[in-house]
Amino acid sequence: MFSFDKLITPRIISALYIITLAFLVIAAVLTFFTRGFNAAGIMLLIMAVFARIFFECIMVTFKNNEYLRRIAESLEKK
């Protein structure tokens, strides 16, 4: 009845990444008004890169699971 063959977490992570970027843009705009353009640009760039790395690390875990499942299925067929 319930199976975990199709994982929903990768789709959720994609949505969370977009939401995170939206919050980073809002934070950059607020930083622009308080500290100036350079601080806002640097903050946005650095935080966006770190957010991307964080979410990619999570996605690698799920991709590894998918690839291992494919390998197991191909070995079972032999």
N, C-alpha and C. Protein backbone atom coordinates (compact mmCIF):
# COMPACT_ATOMS: atom_id res chain seq x y z
N MET A 1 0.83 -1.19 0.00
CA MET A 1 0.00 0.00 0.00
C MET A 1 0.87 1.25 0.00
N PHE A 2 1.73 1.38 0.99
CA PHE A 2 2.64 2.51 1.02
C PHE A 2 4.01 2.02 0.58
N SER A 3 4.61 2.76 -0.33
CA SER A 3 5.97 2.39 -0.75
C SER A 3 6.82 3.65 -0.83
N PHE A 4 8.08 3.45 -0.69
CA PHE A 4 9.02 4.57 -0.74
C PHE A 4 9.86 4.51 -2.00
N ASP A 5 9.28 3.98 -3.09
CA ASP A 5 10.01 3.94 -4.36
C ASP A 5 10.15 5.33 -4.96
N LYS A 6 9.14 6.13 -4.82
CA LYS A 6 9.18 7.52 -5.29
C LYS A 6 9.30 8.44 -4.09
N LEU A 7 10.39 9.16 -4.01
CA LEU A 7 10.62 10.03 -2.86
C LEU A 7 10.15 11.45 -3.17
N ILE A 8 9.51 12.07 -2.20
CA ILE A 8 9.03 13.43 -2.41
C ILE A 8 10.01 14.47 -1.88
N THR A 9 10.98 14.04 -1.09
CA THR A 9 11.91 14.99 -0.49
C THR A 9 12.69 15.79 -1.52
N PRO A 10 13.17 15.21 -2.63
CA PRO A 10 13.87 16.05 -3.61
C PRO A 10 13.02 17.20 -4.15
N ARG A 11 11.74 16.96 -4.33
CA ARG A 11 10.86 18.06 -4.78
C ARG A 11 10.69 19.10 -3.69
N ILE A 12 10.58 18.65 -2.45
CA ILE A 12 10.45 19.59 -1.33
C ILE A 12 11.72 20.41 -1.19
N ILE A 13 12.87 19.77 -1.38
CA ILE A 13 14.14 20.50 -1.26
C ILE A 13 14.26 21.55 -2.35
N SER A 14 13.80 21.25 -3.55
CA SER A 14 13.82 22.26 -4.62
C SER A 14 12.98 23.47 -4.24
N ALA A 15 11.81 23.22 -3.68
CA ALA A 15 10.95 24.33 -3.25
C ALA A 15 11.59 25.11 -2.11
N LEU A 16 12.21 24.40 -1.16
CA LEU A 16 12.88 25.08 -0.05
C LEU A 16 14.04 25.94 -0.53
N TYR A 17 14.74 25.48 -1.57
CA TYR A 17 15.84 26.27 -2.12
C TYR A 17 15.32 27.58 -2.72
N ILE A 18 14.22 27.51 -3.43
CA ILE A 18 13.64 28.72 -4.01
C ILE A 18 13.17 29.67 -2.91
N ILE A 19 12.55 29.14 -1.88
CA ILE A 19 12.11 29.97 -0.75
C ILE A 19 13.31 30.60 -0.05
N THR A 20 14.38 29.82 0.12
CA THR A 20 15.60 30.35 0.74
C THR A 20 16.17 31.49 -0.08
N LEU A 21 16.21 31.33 -1.40
CA LEU A 21 16.72 32.41 -2.25
C LEU A 21 15.85 33.66 -2.14
N ALA A 22 14.55 33.47 -2.04
CA ALA A 22 13.66 34.63 -1.88
C ALA A 22 13.96 35.37 -0.58
N PHE A 23 14.15 34.63 0.50
CA PHE A 23 14.51 35.27 1.77
C PHE A 23 15.87 35.95 1.70
N LEU A 24 16.80 35.35 0.97
CA LEU A 24 18.12 35.97 0.82
C LEU A 24 18.04 37.28 0.05
N VAL A 25 17.19 37.34 -0.95
CA VAL A 25 17.01 38.59 -1.69
C VAL A 25 16.40 39.66 -0.79
N ILE A 26 15.42 39.28 0.01
CA ILE A 26 14.82 40.23 0.95
C ILE A 26 15.86 40.72 1.95
N ALA A 27 16.68 39.80 2.46
CA ALA A 27 17.74 40.19 3.40
C ALA A 27 18.76 41.10 2.72
N ALA A 28 19.06 40.84 1.45
CA ALA A 28 20.01 41.68 0.73
C ALA A 28 19.45 43.08 0.52
N VAL A 29 18.16 43.19 0.25
CA VAL A 29 17.54 44.51 0.10
C VAL A 29 17.61 45.28 1.41
N LEU A 30 17.30 44.61 2.51
CA LEU A 30 17.39 45.27 3.81
C LEU A 30 18.83 45.66 4.13
N THR A 31 19.77 44.81 3.79
CA THR A 31 21.18 45.13 4.01
C THR A 31 21.61 46.30 3.13
N PHE A 32 21.07 46.38 1.94
CA PHE A 32 21.39 47.49 1.04
C PHE A 32 21.02 48.82 1.68
N PHE A 33 19.86 48.88 2.33
CA PHE A 33 19.43 50.13 2.94
C PHE A 33 20.21 50.47 4.21
N THR A 34 20.72 49.47 4.91
CA THR A 34 21.43 49.74 6.16
C THR A 34 22.93 49.84 5.99
N ARG A 35 23.50 49.04 5.09
CA ARG A 35 24.97 49.00 4.99
C ARG A 35 25.51 49.33 3.61
N GLY A 36 24.66 49.42 2.62
CA GLY A 36 25.12 49.81 1.30
C GLY A 36 25.13 48.66 0.30
N PHE A 37 25.45 49.04 -0.93
CA PHE A 37 25.38 48.11 -2.05
C PHE A 37 26.42 47.00 -1.95
N ASN A 38 27.65 47.36 -1.62
CA ASN A 38 28.72 46.35 -1.57
C ASN A 38 28.43 45.26 -0.55
N ALA A 39 28.01 45.63 0.64
CA ALA A 39 27.71 44.64 1.67
C ALA A 39 26.55 43.75 1.25
N ALA A 40 25.54 44.34 0.64
CA ALA A 40 24.37 43.57 0.21
C ALA A 40 24.75 42.58 -0.89
N GLY A 41 25.53 43.04 -1.84
CA GLY A 41 25.94 42.16 -2.94
C GLY A 41 26.80 41.01 -2.48
N ILE A 42 27.76 41.33 -1.62
CA ILE A 42 28.65 40.29 -1.11
C ILE A 42 27.87 39.29 -0.26
N MET A 43 26.98 39.80 0.59
CA MET A 43 26.17 38.92 1.43
C MET A 43 25.30 38.00 0.58
N LEU A 44 24.65 38.56 -0.42
CA LEU A 44 23.77 37.76 -1.27
C LEU A 44 24.57 36.69 -2.01
N LEU A 45 25.70 37.05 -2.54
CA LEU A 45 26.51 36.09 -3.28
C LEU A 45 27.00 34.95 -2.39
N ILE A 46 27.57 35.29 -1.25
CA ILE A 46 28.12 34.27 -0.36
C ILE A 46 27.02 33.37 0.20
N MET A 47 25.94 33.97 0.65
CA MET A 47 24.87 33.16 1.24
C MET A 47 24.17 32.29 0.19
N ALA A 48 24.03 32.79 -1.03
CA ALA A 48 23.41 31.98 -2.09
C ALA A 48 24.29 30.78 -2.43
N VAL A 49 25.60 30.98 -2.46
CA VAL A 49 26.51 29.86 -2.74
C VAL A 49 26.44 28.83 -1.62
N PHE A 50 26.47 29.28 -0.37
CA PHE A 50 26.40 28.33 0.75
C PHE A 50 25.06 27.61 0.79
N ALA A 51 23.97 28.30 0.47
CA ALA A 51 22.66 27.65 0.44
C ALA A 51 22.63 26.58 -0.65
N ARG A 52 23.20 26.91 -1.81
CA ARG A 52 23.23 25.94 -2.91
C ARG A 52 24.04 24.70 -2.52
N ILE A 53 25.20 24.91 -1.91
CA ILE A 53 26.04 23.79 -1.49
C ILE A 53 25.30 22.93 -0.47
N PHE A 54 24.63 23.55 0.48
CA PHE A 54 23.89 22.82 1.51
C PHE A 54 22.81 21.94 0.88
N PHE A 55 22.00 22.53 -0.01
CA PHE A 55 20.91 21.76 -0.61
C PHE A 55 21.44 20.70 -1.57
N GLU A 56 22.55 20.98 -2.26
CA GLU A 56 23.13 19.97 -3.14
C GLU A 56 23.65 18.78 -2.34
N CYS A 57 24.21 19.01 -1.17
CA CYS A 57 24.68 17.90 -0.33
C CYS A 57 23.52 16.99 0.06
N ILE A 58 22.39 17.58 0.36
CA ILE A 58 21.21 16.77 0.69
C ILE A 58 20.75 15.99 -0.53
N MET A 59 20.74 16.65 -1.69
CA MET A 59 20.30 15.98 -2.91
C MET A 59 21.22 14.83 -3.30
N VAL A 60 22.51 14.96 -3.05
CA VAL A 60 23.45 13.89 -3.36
C VAL A 60 23.08 12.62 -2.60
N THR A 61 22.65 12.77 -1.37
CA THR A 61 22.23 11.62 -0.58
C THR A 61 21.07 10.89 -1.25
N PHE A 62 20.10 11.63 -1.73
CA PHE A 62 18.95 11.01 -2.37
C PHE A 62 19.30 10.43 -3.73
N LYS A 63 20.18 11.09 -4.46
CA LYS A 63 20.61 10.55 -5.75
C LYS A 63 21.39 9.25 -5.56
N ASN A 64 22.24 9.21 -4.52
CA ASN A 64 22.96 7.97 -4.23
C ASN A 64 21.99 6.83 -3.95
N ASN A 65 20.93 7.11 -3.22
CA ASN A 65 19.92 6.10 -2.94
C ASN A 65 19.29 5.61 -4.25
N GLU A 66 18.98 6.53 -5.15
CA GLU A 66 18.38 6.17 -6.42
C GLU A 66 19.33 5.31 -7.26
N TYR A 67 20.59 5.70 -7.32
CA TYR A 67 21.56 4.94 -8.10
C TYR A 67 21.81 3.55 -7.51
N LEU A 68 21.86 3.46 -6.19
CA LEU A 68 22.03 2.16 -5.56
C LEU A 68 20.84 1.25 -5.81
N ARG A 69 19.65 1.83 -5.84
CA ARG A 69 18.45 1.03 -6.14
C ARG A 69 18.52 0.50 -7.57
N ARG A 70 18.96 1.34 -8.51
CA ARG A 70 19.09 0.89 -9.90
C ARG A 70 20.13 -0.22 -10.03
N ILE A 71 21.24 -0.09 -9.33
CA ILE A 71 22.27 -1.12 -9.37
C ILE A 71 21.72 -2.43 -8.81
N ALA A 72 21.01 -2.36 -7.70
CA ALA A 72 20.44 -3.56 -7.09
C ALA A 72 19.43 -4.21 -8.03
N GLU A 73 18.60 -3.41 -8.70
CA GLU A 73 17.62 -3.97 -9.63
C GLU A 73 18.31 -4.63 -10.81
N SER A 74 19.37 -4.03 -11.32
CA SER A 74 20.06 -4.63 -12.46
C SER A 74 20.79 -5.91 -12.06
N LEU A 75 21.29 -5.98 -10.83
CA LEU A 75 21.94 -7.21 -10.37
C LEU A 75 20.93 -8.32 -10.12
N GLU A 76 19.72 -7.96 -9.70
CA GLU A 76 18.68 -8.97 -9.49
C GLU A 76 18.23 -9.59 -10.80
N LYS A 77 18.28 -8.83 -11.90
CA LYS A 77 17.86 -9.34 -13.20
C LYS A 77 18.85 -10.36 -13.75
N LYS A 78 20.10 -10.28 -13.33
CA LYS A 78 21.12 -11.20 -13.86
C LYS A 78 21.03 -12.53 -13.27
